Amino acid sequence: MLRNAPAPFFPSRPREDDQAYFSQMIRNFAVFAQQTNNPGALQATTLKLTALPVFADDTGAIAGGLTVGDIYRTGAGALRAVV
């Protein structure tokens, strides 16, 4: 997700249908979709990972369907990434 980029402006709907308004909304939704789907650095103050799959090791994680970079935890509670 792209960071430090201004969020697109979504104007209030006019009283009457207006082609320029709808065109602007479509452009802004396209910008928003691009910003949210763009891989990149993530910065946060907290992170909560729920329902992580549990595997003994990378071999088990891969056999369970995970791929390189996926996060899982071991039965002992250690956080791991498939490498």
PDB file of N, CA and C in Angstrom:
ATOM      1  N   MET A   1       0.840  -1.170   0.000  1.00  0.00           N
ATOM      2  CA  MET A   1       0.000   0.000   0.000  1.00  0.00           C
ATOM      3  C   MET A   1       0.885   1.232   0.000  1.00  0.00           C
ATOM      4  N   LEU A   2       0.550   2.184  -0.816  1.00  0.00           N
ATOM      5  CA  LEU A   2       1.308   3.418  -0.919  1.00  0.00           C
ATOM      6  C   LEU A   2       1.112   4.255   0.338  1.00  0.00           C
ATOM      7  N   ARG A   3       2.175   4.743   0.885  1.00  0.00           N
ATOM      8  CA  ARG A   3       2.110   5.560   2.089  1.00  0.00           C
ATOM      9  C   ARG A   3       2.491   6.989   1.761  1.00  0.00           C
ATOM     10  N   ASN A   4       2.091   7.879   2.636  1.00  0.00           N
ATOM     11  CA  ASN A   4       2.391   9.305   2.507  1.00  0.00           C
ATOM     12  C   ASN A   4       1.836   9.895   1.217  1.00  0.00           C
ATOM     13  N   ALA A   5       0.797   9.312   0.679  1.00  0.00           N
ATOM     14  CA  ALA A   5       0.129   9.859  -0.501  1.00  0.00           C
ATOM     15  C   ALA A   5      -1.202  10.430  -0.045  1.00  0.00           C
ATOM     16  N   PRO A   6      -1.568  11.582  -0.582  1.00  0.00           N
ATOM     17  CA  PRO A   6      -2.847  12.151  -0.164  1.00  0.00           C
ATOM     18  C   PRO A   6      -4.011  11.277  -0.628  1.00  0.00           C
ATOM     19  N   ALA A   7      -4.995  11.140   0.235  1.00  0.00           N
ATOM     20  CA  ALA A   7      -6.190  10.388  -0.133  1.00  0.00           C
ATOM     21  C   ALA A   7      -6.954  11.181  -1.191  1.00  0.00           C
ATOM     22  N   PRO A   8      -7.566  10.498  -2.154  1.00  0.00           N
ATOM     23  CA  PRO A   8      -8.332  11.224  -3.159  1.00  0.00           C
ATOM     24  C   PRO A   8      -9.530  11.919  -2.524  1.00  0.00           C
ATOM     25  N   PHE A   9      -9.906  13.034  -3.095  1.00  0.00           N
ATOM     26  CA  PHE A   9     -11.038  13.828  -2.608  1.00  0.00           C
ATOM     27  C   PHE A   9     -12.327  13.280  -3.186  1.00  0.00           C
ATOM     28  N   PHE A  10     -13.295  13.002  -2.327  1.00  0.00           N
ATOM     29  CA  PHE A  10     -14.608  12.537  -2.767  1.00  0.00           C
ATOM     30  C   PHE A  10     -15.626  13.616  -2.438  1.00  0.00           C
ATOM     31  N   PRO A  11     -16.057  14.367  -3.459  1.00  0.00           N
ATOM     32  CA  PRO A  11     -16.976  15.474  -3.215  1.00  0.00           C
ATOM     33  C   PRO A  11     -18.372  14.979  -2.854  1.00  0.00           C
ATOM     34  N   SER A  12     -19.140  15.861  -2.247  1.00  0.00           N
ATOM     35  CA  SER A  12     -20.535  15.545  -1.946  1.00  0.00           C
ATOM     36  C   SER A  12     -21.324  15.455  -3.244  1.00  0.00           C
ATOM     37  N   ARG A  13     -22.317  14.606  -3.239  1.00  0.00           N
ATOM     38  CA  ARG A  13     -23.138  14.415  -4.437  1.00  0.00           C
ATOM     39  C   ARG A  13     -23.978  15.673  -4.681  1.00  0.00           C
ATOM     40  N   PRO A  14     -24.016  16.139  -5.936  1.00  0.00           N
ATOM     41  CA  PRO A  14     -24.851  17.296  -6.247  1.00  0.00           C
ATOM     42  C   PRO A  14     -26.331  16.905  -6.192  1.00  0.00           C
ATOM     43  N   ARG A  15     -27.190  17.901  -6.094  1.00  0.00           N
ATOM     44  CA  ARG A  15     -28.632  17.624  -6.030  1.00  0.00           C
ATOM     45  C   ARG A  15     -29.134  16.959  -7.308  1.00  0.00           C
ATOM     46  N   GLU A  16     -28.583  17.352  -8.422  1.00  0.00           N
ATOM     47  CA  GLU A  16     -29.001  16.801  -9.712  1.00  0.00           C
ATOM     48  C   GLU A  16     -27.876  15.916 -10.249  1.00  0.00           C
ATOM     49  N   ASP A  17     -28.229  14.923 -11.049  1.00  0.00           N
ATOM     50  CA  ASP A  17     -27.201  14.092 -11.667  1.00  0.00           C
ATOM     51  C   ASP A  17     -26.303  14.971 -12.527  1.00  0.00           C
ATOM     52  N   ASP A  18     -25.015  14.746 -12.408  1.00  0.00           N
ATOM     53  CA  ASP A  18     -24.039  15.568 -13.111  1.00  0.00           C
ATOM     54  C   ASP A  18     -22.940  14.654 -13.642  1.00  0.00           C
ATOM     55  N   GLN A  19     -22.746  14.637 -14.955  1.00  0.00           N
ATOM     56  CA  GLN A  19     -21.756  13.763 -15.577  1.00  0.00           C
ATOM     57  C   GLN A  19     -20.348  14.058 -15.072  1.00  0.00           C
ATOM     58  N   ALA A  20     -20.019  15.327 -14.866  1.00  0.00           N
ATOM     59  CA  ALA A  20     -18.684  15.686 -14.375  1.00  0.00           C
ATOM     60  C   ALA A  20     -18.452  15.109 -12.982  1.00  0.00           C
ATOM     61  N   TYR A  21     -19.485  15.126 -12.130  1.00  0.00           N
ATOM     62  CA  TYR A  21     -19.373  14.561 -10.784  1.00  0.00           C
ATOM     63  C   TYR A  21     -19.072  13.067 -10.858  1.00  0.00           C
ATOM     64  N   PHE A  22     -19.824  12.342 -11.675  1.00  0.00           N
ATOM     65  CA  PHE A  22     -19.621  10.903 -11.785  1.00  0.00           C
ATOM     66  C   PHE A  22     -18.257  10.577 -12.389  1.00  0.00           C
ATOM     67  N   SER A  23     -17.815  11.364 -13.342  1.00  0.00           N
ATOM     68  CA  SER A  23     -16.483  11.148 -13.920  1.00  0.00           C
ATOM     69  C   SER A  23     -15.398  11.353 -12.867  1.00  0.00           C
ATOM     70  N   GLN A  24     -15.538  12.394 -12.055  1.00  0.00           N
ATOM     71  CA  GLN A  24     -14.568  12.649 -10.999  1.00  0.00           C
ATOM     72  C   GLN A  24     -14.576  11.515  -9.975  1.00  0.00           C
ATOM     73  N   MET A  25     -15.753  11.017  -9.619  1.00  0.00           N
ATOM     74  CA  MET A  25     -15.842   9.918  -8.658  1.00  0.00           C
ATOM     75  C   MET A  25     -15.153   8.662  -9.200  1.00  0.00           C
ATOM     76  N   ILE A  26     -15.355   8.367 -10.473  1.00  0.00           N
ATOM     77  CA  ILE A  26     -14.722   7.194 -11.081  1.00  0.00           C
ATOM     78  C   ILE A  26     -13.204   7.344 -11.055  1.00  0.00           C
ATOM     79  N   ARG A  27     -12.693   8.527 -11.406  1.00  0.00           N
ATOM     80  CA  ARG A  27     -11.247   8.769 -11.362  1.00  0.00           C
ATOM     81  C   ARG A  27     -10.711   8.618  -9.943  1.00  0.00           C
ATOM     82  N   ASN A  28     -11.430   9.171  -8.972  1.00  0.00           N
ATOM     83  CA  ASN A  28     -10.968   9.112  -7.588  1.00  0.00           C
ATOM     84  C   ASN A  28     -10.986   7.683  -7.041  1.00  0.00           C
ATOM     85  N   PHE A  29     -11.993   6.900  -7.415  1.00  0.00           N
ATOM     86  CA  PHE A  29     -12.009   5.502  -6.993  1.00  0.00           C
ATOM     87  C   PHE A  29     -10.864   4.735  -7.638  1.00  0.00           C
ATOM     88  N   ALA A  30     -10.525   5.061  -8.875  1.00  0.00           N
ATOM     89  CA  ALA A  30      -9.391   4.417  -9.544  1.00  0.00           C
ATOM     90  C   ALA A  30      -8.090   4.757  -8.817  1.00  0.00           C
ATOM     91  N   VAL A  31      -7.915   6.009  -8.416  1.00  0.00           N
ATOM     92  CA  VAL A  31      -6.727   6.417  -7.662  1.00  0.00           C
ATOM     93  C   VAL A  31      -6.682   5.680  -6.329  1.00  0.00           C
ATOM     94  N   PHE A  32      -7.819   5.627  -5.633  1.00  0.00           N
ATOM     95  CA  PHE A  32      -7.880   4.946  -4.348  1.00  0.00           C
ATOM     96  C   PHE A  32      -7.529   3.466  -4.492  1.00  0.00           C
ATOM     97  N   ALA A  33      -8.067   2.807  -5.509  1.00  0.00           N
ATOM     98  CA  ALA A  33      -7.770   1.390  -5.736  1.00  0.00           C
ATOM     99  C   ALA A  33      -6.283   1.189  -6.012  1.00  0.00           C
ATOM    100  N   GLN A  34      -5.697   2.068  -6.786  1.00  0.00           N
ATOM    101  CA  GLN A  34      -4.270   1.963  -7.080  1.00  0.00           C
ATOM    102  C   GLN A  34      -3.437   2.155  -5.810  1.00  0.00           C
ATOM    103  N   GLN A  35      -3.813   3.107  -4.980  1.00  0.00           N
ATOM    104  CA  GLN A  35      -3.067   3.362  -3.752  1.00  0.00           C
ATOM    105  C   GLN A  35      -3.159   2.189  -2.791  1.00  0.00           C
ATOM    106  N   THR A  36      -4.322   1.567  -2.678  1.00  0.00           N
ATOM    107  CA  THR A  36      -4.482   0.481  -1.719  1.00  0.00           C
ATOM    108  C   THR A  36      -3.913  -0.831  -2.228  1.00  0.00           C
ATOM    109  N   ASN A  37      -3.733  -0.979  -3.529  1.00  0.00           N
ATOM    110  CA  ASN A  37      -3.205  -2.218  -4.086  1.00  0.00           C
ATOM    111  C   ASN A  37      -1.735  -2.134  -4.456  1.00  0.00           C
ATOM    112  N   ASN A  38      -1.107  -1.023  -4.175  1.00  0.00           N
ATOM    113  CA  ASN A  38       0.287  -0.827  -4.526  1.00  0.00           C
ATOM    114  C   ASN A  38       1.175  -1.360  -3.406  1.00  0.00           C
ATOM    115  N   PRO A  39       1.991  -2.380  -3.676  1.00  0.00           N
ATOM    116  CA  PRO A  39       2.852  -2.886  -2.616  1.00  0.00           C
ATOM    117  C   PRO A  39       3.899  -1.850  -2.224  1.00  0.00           C
ATOM    118  N   GLY A  40       4.255  -1.878  -0.988  1.00  0.00           N
ATOM    119  CA  GLY A  40       5.261  -0.940  -0.512  1.00  0.00           C
ATOM    120  C   GLY A  40       5.433  -1.069   0.979  1.00  0.00           C
ATOM    121  N   ALA A  41       6.205  -0.189   1.529  1.00  0.00           N
ATOM    122  CA  ALA A  41       6.487  -0.223   2.960  1.00  0.00           C
ATOM    123  C   ALA A  41       5.223   0.060   3.753  1.00  0.00           C
ATOM    124  N   LEU A  42       5.140  -0.565   4.915  1.00  0.00           N
ATOM    125  CA  LEU A  42       4.011  -0.368   5.819  1.00  0.00           C
ATOM    126  C   LEU A  42       4.554   0.119   7.143  1.00  0.00           C
ATOM    127  N   GLN A  43       3.963   1.170   7.659  1.00  0.00           N
ATOM    128  CA  GLN A  43       4.364   1.694   8.954  1.00  0.00           C
ATOM    129  C   GLN A  43       3.120   1.772   9.822  1.00  0.00           C
ATOM    130  N   ALA A  44       3.217   1.238  11.031  1.00  0.00           N
ATOM    131  CA  ALA A  44       2.074   1.250  11.938  1.00  0.00           C
ATOM    132  C   ALA A  44       2.585   1.330  13.368  1.00  0.00           C
ATOM    133  N   THR A  45       1.719   1.777  14.259  1.00  0.00           N
ATOM    134  CA  THR A  45       2.096   1.832  15.669  1.00  0.00           C
ATOM    135  C   THR A  45       1.754   0.533  16.372  1.00  0.00           C
ATOM    136  N   THR A  46       0.772  -0.198  15.867  1.00  0.00           N
ATOM    137  CA  THR A  46       0.425  -1.505  16.429  1.00  0.00           C
ATOM    138  C   THR A  46       0.060  -2.442  15.286  1.00  0.00           C
ATOM    139  N   LEU A  47       0.150  -3.726  15.563  1.00  0.00           N
ATOM    140  CA  LEU A  47      -0.202  -4.737  14.576  1.00  0.00           C
ATOM    141  C   LEU A  47      -0.799  -5.919  15.311  1.00  0.00           C
ATOM    142  N   LYS A  48      -1.955  -6.367  14.854  1.00  0.00           N
ATOM    143  CA  LYS A  48      -2.591  -7.518  15.474  1.00  0.00           C
ATOM    144  C   LYS A  48      -2.865  -8.543  14.391  1.00  0.00           C
ATOM    145  N   LEU A  49      -2.245  -9.697  14.517  1.00  0.00           N
ATOM    146  CA  LEU A  49      -2.429 -10.782  13.563  1.00  0.00           C
ATOM    147  C   LEU A  49      -3.318 -11.833  14.214  1.00  0.00           C
ATOM    148  N   THR A  50      -4.440 -12.107  13.613  1.00  0.00           N
ATOM    149  CA  THR A  50      -5.370 -13.070  14.192  1.00  0.00           C
ATOM    150  C   THR A  50      -5.488 -14.286  13.289  1.00  0.00           C
ATOM    151  N   ALA A  51      -5.786 -15.414  13.894  1.00  0.00           N
ATOM    152  CA  ALA A  51      -6.035 -16.668  13.181  1.00  0.00           C
ATOM    153  C   ALA A  51      -4.856 -17.081  12.299  1.00  0.00           C
ATOM    154  N   LEU A  52      -3.646 -16.860  12.782  1.00  0.00           N
ATOM    155  CA  LEU A  52      -2.475 -17.309  12.031  1.00  0.00           C
ATOM    156  C   LEU A  52      -2.459 -18.835  11.995  1.00  0.00           C
ATOM    157  N   PRO A  53      -2.099 -19.404  10.850  1.00  0.00           N
ATOM    158  CA  PRO A  53      -1.995 -20.861  10.801  1.00  0.00           C
ATOM    159  C   PRO A  53      -0.826 -21.334  11.659  1.00  0.00           C
ATOM    160  N   VAL A  54      -0.922 -22.554  12.160  1.00  0.00           N
ATOM    161  CA  VAL A  54       0.106 -23.121  13.028  1.00  0.00           C
ATOM    162  C   VAL A  54       0.790 -24.272  12.299  1.00  0.00           C
ATOM    163  N   PHE A  55       2.121 -24.189  12.221  1.00  0.00           N
ATOM    164  CA  PHE A  55       2.930 -25.240  11.607  1.00  0.00           C
ATOM    165  C   PHE A  55       4.193 -25.419  12.430  1.00  0.00           C
ATOM    166  N   ALA A  56       4.784 -26.584  12.363  1.00  0.00           N
ATOM    167  CA  ALA A  56       6.008 -26.862  13.106  1.00  0.00           C
ATOM    168  C   ALA A  56       7.206 -26.138  12.509  1.00  0.00           C
ATOM    169  N   ASP A  57       7.234 -26.025  11.163  1.00  0.00           N
ATOM    170  CA  ASP A  57       8.385 -25.429  10.481  1.00  0.00           C
ATOM    171  C   ASP A  57       7.981 -25.044   9.056  1.00  0.00           C
ATOM    172  N   ASP A  58       8.965 -24.505   8.308  1.00  0.00           N
ATOM    173  CA  ASP A  58       8.685 -24.073   6.935  1.00  0.00           C
ATOM    174  C   ASP A  58       8.208 -25.219   6.046  1.00  0.00           C
ATOM    175  N   THR A  59       8.780 -26.389   6.244  1.00  0.00           N
ATOM    176  CA  THR A  59       8.387 -27.538   5.425  1.00  0.00           C
ATOM    177  C   THR A  59       6.902 -27.832   5.606  1.00  0.00           C
ATOM    178  N   GLY A  60       6.454 -27.825   6.853  1.00  0.00           N
ATOM    179  CA  GLY A  60       5.039 -28.058   7.129  1.00  0.00           C
ATOM    180  C   GLY A  60       4.162 -26.934   6.612  1.00  0.00           C
ATOM    181  N   ALA A  61       4.658 -25.693   6.724  1.00  0.00           N
ATOM    182  CA  ALA A  61       3.895 -24.542   6.245  1.00  0.00           C
ATOM    183  C   ALA A  61       3.705 -24.611   4.732  1.00  0.00           C
ATOM    184  N   ILE A  62       4.772 -24.950   4.014  1.00  0.00           N
ATOM    185  CA  ILE A  62       4.688 -25.067   2.555  1.00  0.00           C
ATOM    186  C   ILE A  62       3.755 -26.210   2.173  1.00  0.00           C
ATOM    187  N   ALA A  63       3.874 -27.339   2.881  1.00  0.00           N
ATOM    188  CA  ALA A  63       2.972 -28.465   2.620  1.00  0.00           C
ATOM    189  C   ALA A  63       1.522 -28.081   2.909  1.00  0.00           C
ATOM    190  N   GLY A  64       1.343 -27.131   3.840  1.00  0.00           N
ATOM    191  CA  GLY A  64       0.002 -26.664   4.195  1.00  0.00           C
ATOM    192  C   GLY A  64      -0.531 -25.571   3.295  1.00  0.00           C
ATOM    193  N   GLY A  65       0.248 -25.199   2.255  1.00  0.00           N
ATOM    194  CA  GLY A  65      -0.255 -24.227   1.286  1.00  0.00           C
ATOM    195  C   GLY A  65       0.335 -22.839   1.375  1.00  0.00           C
ATOM    196  N   LEU A  66       1.200 -22.582   2.345  1.00  0.00           N
ATOM    197  CA  LEU A  66       1.817 -21.253   2.429  1.00  0.00           C
ATOM    198  C   LEU A  66       2.939 -21.132   1.404  1.00  0.00           C
ATOM    199  N   THR A  67       3.270 -19.900   1.062  1.00  0.00           N
ATOM    200  CA  THR A  67       4.362 -19.639   0.122  1.00  0.00           C
ATOM    201  C   THR A  67       5.363 -18.696   0.776  1.00  0.00           C
ATOM    202  N   VAL A  68       6.496 -18.516   0.114  1.00  0.00           N
ATOM    203  CA  VAL A  68       7.564 -17.665   0.646  1.00  0.00           C
ATOM    204  C   VAL A  68       6.996 -16.289   1.010  1.00  0.00           C
ATOM    205  N   GLY A  69       7.304 -15.858   2.232  1.00  0.00           N
ATOM    206  CA  GLY A  69       6.843 -14.563   2.721  1.00  0.00           C
ATOM    207  C   GLY A  69       5.587 -14.643   3.577  1.00  0.00           C
ATOM    208  N   ASP A  70       4.854 -15.762   3.517  1.00  0.00           N
ATOM    209  CA  ASP A  70       3.654 -15.918   4.351  1.00  0.00           C
ATOM    210  C   ASP A  70       4.053 -16.079   5.815  1.00  0.00           C
ATOM    211  N   ILE A  71       3.209 -15.587   6.695  1.00  0.00           N
ATOM    212  CA  ILE A  71       3.462 -15.620   8.132  1.00  0.00           C
ATOM    213  C   ILE A  71       2.666 -16.757   8.766  1.00  0.00           C
ATOM    214  N   TYR A  72       3.298 -17.444   9.713  1.00  0.00           N
ATOM    215  CA  TYR A  72       2.626 -18.477  10.489  1.00  0.00           C
ATOM    216  C   TYR A  72       3.223 -18.486  11.889  1.00  0.00           C
ATOM    217  N   ARG A  73       2.675 -19.299  12.766  1.00  0.00           N
ATOM    218  CA  ARG A  73       3.262 -19.449  14.091  1.00  0.00           C
ATOM    219  C   ARG A  73       3.490 -20.918  14.370  1.00  0.00           C
ATOM    220  N   THR A  74       4.437 -21.171  15.250  1.00  0.00           N
ATOM    221  CA  THR A  74       4.709 -22.550  15.645  1.00  0.00           C
ATOM    222  C   THR A  74       3.798 -22.910  16.806  1.00  0.00           C
ATOM    223  N   GLY A  75       3.753 -24.175  17.148  1.00  0.00           N
ATOM    224  CA  GLY A  75       2.953 -24.611  18.276  1.00  0.00           C
ATOM    225  C   GLY A  75       3.399 -23.975  19.579  1.00  0.00           C
ATOM    226  N   ALA A  76       4.661 -23.604  19.660  1.00  0.00           N
ATOM    227  CA  ALA A  76       5.192 -22.945  20.850  1.00  0.00           C
ATOM    228  C   ALA A  76       4.905 -21.434  20.870  1.00  0.00           C
ATOM    229  N   GLY A  77       4.309 -20.926  19.779  1.00  0.00           N
ATOM    230  CA  GLY A  77       3.941 -19.516  19.730  1.00  0.00           C
ATOM    231  C   GLY A  77       4.947 -18.605  19.058  1.00  0.00           C
ATOM    232  N   ALA A  78       6.006 -19.167  18.470  1.00  0.00           N
ATOM    233  CA  ALA A  78       6.994 -18.338  17.777  1.00  0.00           C
ATOM    234  C   ALA A  78       6.416 -17.862  16.437  1.00  0.00           C
ATOM    235  N   LEU A  79       6.634 -16.612  16.135  1.00  0.00           N
ATOM    236  CA  LEU A  79       6.183 -16.042  14.871  1.00  0.00           C
ATOM    237  C   LEU A  79       7.240 -16.319  13.802  1.00  0.00           C
ATOM    238  N   ARG A  80       6.820 -16.846  12.667  1.00  0.00           N
ATOM    239  CA  ARG A  80       7.774 -17.203  11.602  1.00  0.00           C
ATOM    240  C   ARG A  80       7.238 -16.751  10.250  1.00  0.00           C
ATOM    241  N   ALA A  81       8.156 -16.564   9.318  1.00  0.00           N
ATOM    242  CA  ALA A  81       7.822 -16.302   7.921  1.00  0.00           C
ATOM    243  C   ALA A  81       8.440 -17.404   7.090  1.00  0.00           C
ATOM    244  N   VAL A  82       7.706 -17.869   6.105  1.00  0.00           N
ATOM    245  CA  VAL A  82       8.236 -18.895   5.213  1.00  0.00           C
ATOM    246  C   VAL A  82       9.370 -18.286   4.397  1.00  0.00           C
ATOM    247  N   VAL A  83      10.523 -18.952   4.395  1.00  0.00           N
ATOM    248  CA  VAL A  83      11.664 -18.473   3.601  1.00  0.00           C
ATOM    249  C   VAL A  83      12.048 -19.486   2.545  1.00  0.00           C
TER     250      VAL A  83
END
